[in-house]
Amino acid sequence: MPGIRVAIAAAAALLALSQRSSAQQPFPAPYRPVAPRHAAATPKATAAPALRGGAACHSGMNFDRFLAELKQKAAAAGVSQRAIAEASPGMVYDQGIVNRDRGQRVFGQVFTEFAGRMAAVYRMQQGQRRIRTYQAAFTRAEKEYGVPPAVIAAFWGLESDFGANMGNLPTLRSLVSLAYDCRRSEMFENETIAALKIIDRGDLSPDEMVGSWAGELGQTQFLPTRYFNYAVDYDGDGRRNLLSSPADVIGSTANYIANGLKWRRGEPWLQEVHVPQNSGFPWDRADLTIQLPRSKWAAFGVTYPDGKALPNDDMPASLLLPMGRTGPAFLAYANFAAYTEWNNSLIYSTTAAYLATRIAGAPPMRRPTASVAQLPFNELRELQKLLVRAGFNVGKVDGVMGEQSRSAVKAMQIKFGLPADSWPTAELLAKMRGSTAASGAAAAAALR
């Protein structure tokens, strides 16, 4: 998803990070961390794909016929023939784009590493600088939409390093190639039609539509449907230009966060806390699906990092442990849902929310006193396979501990009497291996 991109989860992912990382690069396209998206241009586009007989999901029709039908759908959706004609030269098939989408690779990285790179001091400082430079637009956006400047600036920094890394590939070519491919055809057909509507509305010309390999546009990397629905003209020039108008970027991002992601005006989103490491702490309550009043978390012994007491009030919050009970801890409030909606990767969403707190003036998070062990990629996959064998749906067995995998881990931790913090450990893996071996031995004995 896109949106900003497709996801990594609890212990997850990157080269999206390499791509958007290093010290200076932002995040990748429909996001599951992927290989660098701004690297080199894709191979030369071709008028028809290297697929004999055409794409199966389109009843075997070849690309030219598929494209003709897609243009008819666009016209039926209200796109003018003028806009379709202007866009047509760029609507060509590129197998290289499809190869990128199918070949996205996942790399493991713990939250502190990820956040250390992506929420680096230089990005925090640049965010604060942008807020000062474009103070009028940020002030207007906060007044109209209720979204704090730091929240907007954090997404702006992560998505493109404030416009420095927006991608260099023709958007229409990417969209029609992914629409013809069968993996997410319907989604990218809709995105192609939205891109044509943007052209028809006069916001961008086809030649100006240059962005990520997955069709995202602008300094906060909007897919065309998001661009068409939420972009606003904040500089008053009659166009919604998210590629080169900082004011439009600020207003449009605020509009999407407020109205698309349902931001709650005046409420917090994330705060670092300290969790006591005693045996009686209810680790199973540490879950984004569980909200308790701050007074309840205080009663459990949760404090601010400096030991200061939490407010004794009824504000609901979830305890978020992105690296388990020995890693950083946060209270995630209702507004944190905006981050997981923007990108459902737990690492991305937590990093974006944390960076926003830093831009807003929060101190850096406290590092764990000891390193937090992370299972290697092959053992994470093995654990997922064992969880599937135990009857859990973990989604794709890919070594990325997403929400479903973390929920399954918690259930098995409870079963084995381990601290249920959803973090995959060598101890849990060993117990699951033993349980599987015992079940196999019992089954073999029953057959004798």
Protein backbone atom coordinates (compact mmCIF):
# COMPACT_ATOMS: atom_id res chain seq x y z
CA MET A 1 0.00 0.00 0.00
CA PRO A 2 0.66 1.68 -0.67
CA GLY A 3 0.05 4.89 0.55
CA ILE A 4 3.16 5.37 1.55
CA ARG A 5 4.11 2.05 1.06
CA VAL A 6 3.57 -1.31 1.68
CA ALA A 7 4.78 -2.59 5.15
CA ILE A 8 7.28 -4.09 7.36
CA ALA A 9 6.12 -5.24 10.63
CA ALA A 10 7.46 -5.83 14.02
CA ALA A 11 10.89 -6.85 13.19
CA ALA A 12 10.88 -5.98 9.80
CA ALA A 13 12.13 -4.73 6.87
CA LEU A 14 14.22 -2.78 4.78
CA LEU A 15 15.94 -2.05 1.72
CA ALA A 16 13.05 0.00 1.50
CA LEU A 17 15.28 1.52 3.92
CA SER A 18 18.25 1.41 1.99
CA GLN A 19 16.24 3.06 -0.49
CA ARG A 20 14.83 5.52 1.75
CA SER A 21 17.45 5.41 4.19
CA SER A 22 21.05 5.33 4.34
CA ALA A 23 21.33 8.48 6.15
CA GLN A 24 19.52 10.40 3.56
CA GLN A 25 16.99 8.31 1.82
CA PRO A 26 13.28 8.06 2.45
CA PHE A 27 10.92 5.14 2.16
CA PRO A 28 9.92 2.99 -0.81
CA ALA A 29 6.85 2.31 -2.77
CA PRO A 30 3.74 0.29 -1.99
CA TYR A 31 5.43 -0.84 0.87
CA ARG A 32 6.77 -3.84 1.96
CA PRO A 33 10.33 -2.85 2.16
CA VAL A 34 11.75 -3.18 -1.17
CA ALA A 35 14.84 -2.77 -3.17
CA PRO A 36 15.98 0.76 -3.90
CA ARG A 37 13.40 2.54 -5.90
CA HIS A 38 15.35 5.55 -6.98
CA ALA A 39 18.26 3.62 -8.32
CA ALA A 40 18.46 3.45 -12.06
CA ALA A 41 15.75 3.81 -14.63
CA THR A 42 13.92 0.63 -15.47
CA PRO A 43 14.63 -1.26 -18.66
CA LYS A 44 13.26 0.21 -21.84
CA ALA A 45 9.49 0.12 -21.98
CA THR A 46 7.83 -2.11 -24.54
CA ALA A 47 4.48 -1.84 -26.18
CA ALA A 48 3.55 -5.36 -25.18
CA PRO A 49 4.71 -7.63 -22.34
CA ALA A 50 6.76 -10.74 -22.65
CA LEU A 51 3.73 -12.87 -21.82
CA ARG A 52 2.55 -15.30 -24.40
CA GLY A 53 -1.17 -15.22 -24.85
CA GLY A 54 -1.70 -12.16 -22.67
CA ALA A 55 -2.45 -11.83 -18.98
CA ALA A 56 -4.64 -14.58 -17.56
CA CYS A 57 -6.51 -12.23 -15.25
CA HIS A 58 -7.68 -10.26 -18.30
CA SER A 59 -9.06 -13.30 -20.12
CA GLY A 60 -5.83 -13.61 -22.04
CA MET A 61 -6.17 -10.28 -23.86
CA ASN A 62 -2.97 -8.63 -25.02
CA PHE A 63 -1.77 -5.34 -23.61
CA ASP A 64 -3.03 -3.18 -26.48
CA ARG A 65 -6.56 -4.46 -26.11
CA PHE A 66 -6.35 -4.19 -22.32
CA LEU A 67 -5.23 -0.58 -22.61
CA ALA A 68 -8.04 0.26 -25.03
CA GLU A 69 -10.58 -1.11 -22.54
CA LEU A 70 -8.91 0.77 -19.69
CA LYS A 71 -9.24 4.02 -21.63
CA GLN A 72 -12.92 3.26 -22.17
CA LYS A 73 -13.34 2.80 -18.42
CA ALA A 74 -11.59 6.12 -17.85
CA ALA A 75 -13.92 7.87 -20.27
CA ALA A 76 -16.91 6.29 -18.53
CA ALA A 77 -15.52 7.65 -15.23
CA GLY A 78 -15.61 11.16 -16.68
CA VAL A 79 -12.10 11.61 -18.05
CA SER A 80 -12.09 13.73 -21.21
CA GLN A 81 -10.81 12.45 -24.53
CA ARG A 82 -8.34 15.33 -24.51
CA ALA A 83 -6.71 14.12 -21.30
CA ILE A 84 -6.65 10.52 -22.53
CA ALA A 85 -5.01 11.60 -25.78
CA GLU A 86 -2.41 13.67 -23.92
CA ALA A 87 -1.57 10.74 -21.66
CA SER A 88 -1.55 8.01 -24.31
CA PRO A 89 2.10 8.31 -25.42
CA GLY A 90 3.21 7.51 -21.88
CA MET A 91 0.85 4.58 -21.37
CA VAL A 92 3.21 1.80 -22.42
CA TYR A 93 4.06 -1.51 -20.85
CA ASP A 94 7.33 -1.92 -18.95
CA GLN A 95 8.24 -5.42 -17.83
CA GLY A 96 10.94 -3.95 -15.63
CA ILE A 97 8.31 -2.29 -13.45
CA VAL A 98 6.46 -5.57 -13.02
CA ASN A 99 9.72 -7.32 -12.18
CA ARG A 100 10.37 -4.78 -9.45
CA ASP A 101 6.94 -5.32 -7.97
CA ARG A 102 7.28 -9.09 -7.98
CA GLY A 103 10.85 -9.01 -6.76
CA GLN A 104 10.47 -6.89 -3.63
CA ARG A 105 12.80 -8.29 -1.01
CA VAL A 106 12.45 -8.18 2.74
CA PHE A 107 15.30 -7.49 5.13
CA GLY A 108 15.18 -7.79 8.89
CA GLN A 109 16.03 -4.85 11.13
CA VAL A 110 15.02 -4.07 14.68
CA PHE A 111 13.14 -0.90 15.52
CA THR A 112 16.02 0.90 17.22
CA GLU A 113 18.23 0.44 14.15
CA PHE A 114 15.47 1.49 11.81
CA ALA A 115 14.45 4.52 13.83
CA GLY A 116 18.07 5.45 14.40
CA ARG A 117 18.53 5.78 10.67
CA MET A 118 15.18 7.14 9.62
CA ALA A 119 14.50 9.43 12.59
CA ALA A 120 18.06 10.69 12.67
CA VAL A 121 18.92 14.06 14.20
CA TYR A 122 19.48 15.67 10.79
CA ARG A 123 15.94 14.76 9.72
CA MET A 124 14.49 16.12 12.94
CA GLN A 125 16.41 19.37 12.42
CA GLN A 126 15.34 19.64 8.80
CA GLY A 127 11.74 19.14 9.84
CA GLN A 128 12.00 21.95 12.38
CA ARG A 129 13.64 24.14 9.76
CA ARG A 130 10.83 23.50 7.27
CA ILE A 131 8.25 24.43 9.90
CA ARG A 132 9.99 27.77 10.40
CA THR A 133 10.44 28.38 6.67
CA TYR A 134 6.83 27.62 5.78
CA GLN A 135 5.28 28.82 9.02
CA ALA A 136 2.27 30.44 7.36
CA ALA A 137 1.25 27.25 5.54
CA PHE A 138 1.78 25.06 8.62
CA THR A 139 -0.19 27.46 10.82
CA ARG A 140 -3.03 27.54 8.32
CA ALA A 141 -3.06 23.75 8.01
CA GLU A 142 -3.18 23.26 11.76
CA LYS A 143 -6.00 25.77 12.09
CA GLU A 144 -8.05 24.26 9.26
CA TYR A 145 -7.34 20.56 9.79
CA GLY A 146 -6.10 20.24 13.37
CA VAL A 147 -2.90 18.43 12.38
CA PRO A 148 0.25 19.63 14.19
CA PRO A 149 3.14 20.83 12.02
CA ALA A 150 5.49 18.17 13.41
CA VAL A 151 3.17 15.39 12.23
CA ILE A 152 3.13 16.74 8.68
CA ALA A 153 6.86 17.40 8.66
CA ALA A 154 7.71 13.89 9.82
CA PHE A 155 5.86 12.26 6.93
CA TRP A 156 7.38 14.81 4.55
CA GLY A 157 10.86 13.92 5.72
CA LEU A 158 10.41 10.16 5.70
CA GLU A 159 8.64 9.96 2.37
CA SER A 160 11.02 12.03 0.23
CA ASP A 161 13.51 13.86 2.42
CA PHE A 162 11.44 17.00 1.87
CA GLY A 163 11.30 16.59 -1.88
CA ALA A 164 14.87 15.44 -2.52
CA ASN A 165 13.92 11.85 -3.40
CA MET A 166 10.55 11.62 -5.14
CA GLY A 167 11.51 9.06 -7.78
CA ASN A 168 12.49 9.45 -11.41
CA LEU A 169 10.21 7.12 -13.34
CA PRO A 170 7.24 7.99 -15.60
CA THR A 171 4.13 7.48 -13.50
CA LEU A 172 1.74 6.49 -16.28
CA ARG A 173 4.10 3.79 -17.52
CA SER A 174 4.34 2.33 -14.01
CA LEU A 175 0.60 2.42 -13.43
CA VAL A 176 -0.51 0.75 -16.66
CA SER A 177 2.21 -1.90 -16.34
CA LEU A 178 1.06 -2.82 -12.84
CA ALA A 179 -2.58 -2.64 -13.94
CA TYR A 180 -1.93 -5.18 -16.69
CA ASP A 181 -0.04 -7.48 -14.35
CA CYS A 182 -2.32 -9.83 -12.42
CA ARG A 183 -0.99 -9.28 -8.91
CA ARG A 184 -2.91 -6.08 -8.08
CA SER A 185 -4.65 -5.34 -11.35
CA GLU A 186 -7.87 -3.76 -10.09
CA MET A 187 -6.04 -1.48 -7.69
CA PHE A 188 -3.75 -0.12 -10.39
CA GLU A 189 -6.54 0.23 -12.93
CA ASN A 190 -8.18 2.58 -10.44
CA GLU A 191 -4.90 4.38 -9.86
CA THR A 192 -4.41 4.84 -13.61
CA ILE A 193 -7.87 6.36 -13.97
CA ALA A 194 -7.16 8.67 -11.01
CA ALA A 195 -3.93 9.79 -12.67
CA LEU A 196 -5.87 10.64 -15.82
CA LYS A 197 -8.32 12.64 -13.71
CA ILE A 198 -5.41 14.61 -12.23
CA ILE A 199 -4.28 15.46 -15.76
CA ASP A 200 -7.84 16.34 -16.78
CA ARG A 201 -8.21 18.63 -13.76
CA GLY A 202 -5.12 20.55 -14.82
CA ASP A 203 -2.98 19.81 -11.79
CA LEU A 204 -0.15 18.05 -13.63
CA SER A 205 0.73 17.32 -17.24
CA PRO A 206 1.65 13.76 -18.28
CA ASP A 207 5.30 14.78 -18.59
CA GLU A 208 5.30 16.19 -15.06
CA MET A 209 4.07 12.89 -13.65
CA VAL A 210 7.35 11.39 -12.52
CA GLY A 211 7.72 9.46 -9.29
CA SER A 212 8.33 6.08 -7.71
CA TRP A 213 8.25 2.81 -9.63
CA ALA A 214 4.91 2.01 -8.00
CA GLY A 215 3.20 5.17 -9.21
CA GLU A 216 3.40 7.34 -6.12
CA LEU A 217 3.69 11.07 -6.69
CA GLY A 218 4.95 14.10 -4.88
CA GLN A 219 6.84 15.04 -1.76
CA THR A 220 4.67 12.95 0.53
CA GLN A 221 4.30 10.18 -2.04
CA PHE A 222 0.58 10.01 -2.73
CA LEU A 223 -0.83 7.35 -5.01
CA PRO A 224 -3.06 9.02 -7.63
CA THR A 225 -6.36 8.20 -5.90
CA ARG A 226 -5.12 9.90 -2.73
CA TYR A 227 -3.72 12.78 -4.76
CA PHE A 228 -7.00 13.32 -6.61
CA ASN A 229 -9.14 13.06 -3.48
CA TYR A 230 -7.07 15.03 -0.97
CA ALA A 231 -4.71 17.41 -2.78
CA VAL A 232 -5.52 21.09 -2.19
CA ASP A 233 -4.30 24.30 -3.80
CA TYR A 234 -2.63 26.05 -0.88
CA ASP A 235 -0.50 28.52 -2.84
CA GLY A 236 -3.45 29.89 -4.84
CA ASP A 237 -2.06 29.28 -8.33
CA GLY A 238 -5.06 27.23 -9.45
CA ARG A 239 -3.19 23.88 -9.46
CA ARG A 240 -2.64 21.19 -6.89
CA ASN A 241 1.05 20.56 -7.35
CA LEU A 242 2.55 18.18 -4.81
CA LEU A 243 5.82 17.91 -6.69
CA SER A 244 7.07 21.48 -6.50
CA SER A 245 4.77 23.55 -4.24
CA PRO A 246 5.65 23.20 -0.53
CA ALA A 247 2.43 24.98 0.44
CA ASP A 248 0.35 22.49 -1.55
CA VAL A 249 2.31 19.61 0.01
CA ILE A 250 1.65 20.89 3.53
CA GLY A 251 -2.07 21.57 3.02
CA SER A 252 -2.72 18.36 1.11
CA THR A 253 -0.91 16.17 3.62
CA ALA A 254 -2.86 17.78 6.46
CA ASN A 255 -6.12 17.28 4.59
CA TYR A 256 -5.40 13.59 4.07
CA ILE A 257 -4.32 13.02 7.67
CA ALA A 258 -7.37 14.85 9.03
CA ASN A 259 -10.08 13.61 6.69
CA GLY A 260 -8.63 10.43 5.23
CA LEU A 261 -7.00 9.11 8.40
CA LYS A 262 -9.44 10.71 10.87
CA TRP A 263 -6.93 12.63 13.00
CA ARG A 264 -8.31 13.80 16.35
CA ARG A 265 -7.60 17.47 16.88
CA GLY A 266 -5.69 18.38 20.02
CA GLU A 267 -4.88 14.82 21.08
CA PRO A 268 -1.45 13.17 21.40
CA TRP A 269 -0.25 10.31 19.23
CA LEU A 270 2.77 8.68 20.91
CA GLN A 271 4.77 9.09 24.12
CA GLU A 272 7.75 7.12 25.34
CA VAL A 273 7.33 5.44 28.74
CA HIS A 274 9.22 3.21 31.15
CA VAL A 275 7.80 -0.21 31.97
CA PRO A 276 8.86 -2.07 35.15
CA GLN A 277 10.59 -5.37 34.50
CA ASN A 278 8.88 -7.30 37.28
CA SER A 279 7.45 -10.77 36.89
CA GLY A 280 3.95 -9.61 37.72
CA PHE A 281 3.60 -7.09 34.92
CA PRO A 282 0.68 -7.99 32.60
CA TRP A 283 2.67 -8.20 29.36
CA ASP A 284 -0.32 -9.64 27.55
CA ARG A 285 -1.99 -6.22 27.83
CA ALA A 286 0.75 -4.72 25.63
CA ASP A 287 -1.18 -4.69 22.37
CA LEU A 288 -2.50 -2.03 20.02
CA THR A 289 -5.91 -3.72 20.18
CA ILE A 290 -6.08 -3.15 23.96
CA GLN A 291 -6.70 0.34 25.31
CA LEU A 292 -6.64 1.17 29.02
CA PRO A 293 -6.90 4.49 30.85
CA ARG A 294 -3.56 6.11 31.65
CA SER A 295 -4.47 5.77 35.32
CA LYS A 296 -4.53 1.99 34.85
CA TRP A 297 -1.11 1.94 33.19
CA ALA A 298 0.15 4.08 36.07
CA ALA A 299 -1.25 1.53 38.52
CA PHE A 300 0.75 -1.17 36.71
CA GLY A 301 3.90 0.86 37.36
CA VAL A 302 4.30 2.51 33.95
CA THR A 303 5.95 5.94 34.19
CA TYR A 304 7.56 8.47 31.89
CA PRO A 305 11.20 7.60 31.06
CA ASP A 306 12.53 9.93 33.77
CA GLY A 307 10.36 8.26 36.40
CA LYS A 308 7.73 10.99 36.48
CA ALA A 309 4.23 9.68 37.05
CA LEU A 310 1.72 9.42 34.23
CA PRO A 311 -1.38 11.62 34.46
CA ASN A 312 -4.00 9.97 36.62
CA ASP A 313 -6.75 10.36 34.04
CA ASP A 314 -9.03 8.33 31.82
CA MET A 315 -7.34 9.03 28.47
CA PRO A 316 -7.21 5.66 26.69
CA ALA A 317 -3.86 4.41 25.46
CA SER A 318 -2.25 1.20 24.27
CA LEU A 319 1.14 -0.04 25.39
CA LEU A 320 3.34 -0.48 22.33
CA LEU A 321 6.46 -2.65 22.59
CA PRO A 322 8.00 -2.71 19.11
CA MET A 323 10.90 -4.92 20.34
CA GLY A 324 9.27 -6.77 23.19
CA ARG A 325 9.46 -6.15 26.90
CA THR A 326 13.19 -5.33 27.02
CA GLY A 327 13.09 -2.78 24.20
CA PRO A 328 11.66 0.74 23.93
CA ALA A 329 8.12 1.25 25.22
CA PHE A 330 5.48 3.77 24.17
CA LEU A 331 1.93 4.72 24.97
CA ALA A 332 0.09 4.86 21.65
CA TYR A 333 -3.04 7.00 21.61
CA ALA A 334 -6.04 7.03 19.29
CA ASN A 335 -4.16 9.20 16.77
CA PHE A 336 -1.54 6.48 16.35
CA ALA A 337 -4.10 4.73 14.15
CA ALA A 338 -3.43 7.42 11.53
CA TYR A 339 0.13 6.16 11.28
CA THR A 340 -0.81 2.50 10.86
CA GLU A 341 -3.36 3.55 8.24
CA TRP A 342 -0.75 5.58 6.35
CA ASN A 343 1.50 2.52 6.35
CA ASN A 344 0.57 -0.71 8.08
CA SER A 345 4.20 -1.57 8.82
CA LEU A 346 4.64 -1.39 12.57
CA ILE A 347 8.25 -0.28 12.22
CA TYR A 348 7.40 2.45 9.74
CA SER A 349 4.38 3.73 11.66
CA THR A 350 6.21 3.77 15.00
CA THR A 351 9.22 5.49 13.46
CA ALA A 352 7.04 8.14 11.79
CA ALA A 353 5.18 8.83 15.03
CA TYR A 354 8.43 8.92 17.02
CA LEU A 355 10.04 11.31 14.53
CA ALA A 356 7.03 13.60 14.85
CA THR A 357 7.49 13.71 18.63
CA ARG A 358 11.16 14.58 18.14
CA ILE A 359 10.35 17.40 15.72
CA ALA A 360 7.82 18.63 18.27
CA GLY A 361 10.57 18.81 20.92
CA ALA A 362 10.60 15.43 22.69
CA PRO A 363 13.99 14.10 23.83
CA PRO A 364 15.51 11.10 22.07
CA MET A 365 14.22 7.74 23.24
CA ARG A 366 16.23 5.87 25.79
CA ARG A 367 18.15 2.94 24.39
CA PRO A 368 17.75 -0.54 25.91
CA THR A 369 20.33 -1.23 28.63
CA ALA A 370 21.24 -4.46 26.84
CA SER A 371 20.92 -5.47 23.22
CA VAL A 372 17.60 -7.03 22.29
CA ALA A 373 18.08 -10.36 20.58
CA GLN A 374 16.37 -10.80 17.24
CA LEU A 375 15.91 -14.16 15.57
CA PRO A 376 17.64 -14.42 12.21
CA PHE A 377 15.50 -14.36 9.10
CA ASN A 378 15.51 -18.14 8.54
CA GLU A 379 14.41 -18.78 12.13
CA LEU A 380 11.63 -16.20 11.87
CA ARG A 381 10.33 -18.07 8.83
CA GLU A 382 10.64 -21.37 10.69
CA LEU A 383 8.68 -19.92 13.59
CA GLN A 384 5.96 -18.75 11.21
CA LYS A 385 5.76 -22.24 9.68
CA LEU A 386 5.41 -23.75 13.16
CA LEU A 387 2.69 -21.25 13.99
CA VAL A 388 0.83 -22.20 10.82
CA ARG A 389 1.20 -25.87 11.76
CA ALA A 390 -0.29 -24.98 15.15
CA GLY A 391 -3.37 -23.59 13.42
CA PHE A 392 -2.63 -19.86 13.21
CA ASN A 393 -3.07 -17.64 10.19
CA VAL A 394 0.11 -15.57 9.98
CA GLY A 395 -0.47 -14.26 6.46
CA LYS A 396 2.50 -14.79 4.20
CA VAL A 397 5.33 -16.90 5.60
CA ASP A 398 8.07 -14.42 4.73
CA GLY A 399 10.14 -13.85 7.85
CA VAL A 400 8.37 -10.54 8.56
CA MET A 401 6.56 -10.50 11.87
CA GLY A 402 3.46 -8.57 10.97
CA GLU A 403 0.35 -8.13 13.08
CA GLN A 404 -0.97 -11.64 12.46
CA SER A 405 2.37 -13.24 13.27
CA ARG A 406 2.75 -11.16 16.43
CA SER A 407 -0.73 -12.13 17.60
CA ALA A 408 0.08 -15.79 17.05
CA VAL A 409 3.37 -15.38 18.93
CA LYS A 410 1.50 -13.88 21.87
CA ALA A 411 -0.99 -16.76 21.93
CA MET A 412 1.81 -19.31 22.02
CA GLN A 413 3.70 -17.36 24.69
CA ILE A 414 0.58 -17.54 26.85
CA LYS A 415 0.27 -21.26 26.16
CA PHE A 416 3.86 -21.93 27.21
CA GLY A 417 3.77 -19.59 30.22
CA LEU A 418 6.22 -17.09 28.74
CA PRO A 419 5.95 -13.29 29.05
CA ALA A 420 3.35 -12.51 26.37
CA ASP A 421 4.97 -9.46 24.76
CA SER A 422 4.54 -10.67 21.14
CA TRP A 423 8.31 -10.63 20.51
CA PRO A 424 9.63 -13.81 18.84
CA THR A 425 12.44 -15.34 20.91
CA ALA A 426 14.77 -18.31 20.74
CA GLU A 427 13.04 -19.68 23.83
CA LEU A 428 9.65 -19.68 22.14
CA LEU A 429 11.09 -21.24 18.98
CA ALA A 430 12.72 -24.01 21.03
CA LYS A 431 9.47 -24.77 22.85
CA MET A 432 7.54 -24.87 19.57
CA ARG A 433 10.13 -27.18 18.03
CA GLY A 434 9.84 -29.44 21.06
CA SER A 435 6.06 -29.39 20.96
CA THR A 436 6.06 -30.27 17.27
CA ALA A 437 8.56 -33.08 17.82
CA ALA A 438 6.49 -34.45 20.69
CA SER A 439 3.32 -34.34 18.60
CA GLY A 440 5.09 -36.14 15.79
CA ALA A 441 6.39 -38.83 18.13
CA ALA A 442 2.94 -39.31 19.63
CA ALA A 443 1.38 -39.64 16.19
CA ALA A 444 4.03 -42.18 15.18
CA ALA A 445 3.43 -44.19 18.34
CA ALA A 446 -0.29 -44.24 17.67
CA LEU A 447 0.33 -45.83 14.29
CA ARG A 448 2.41 -48.68 15.68
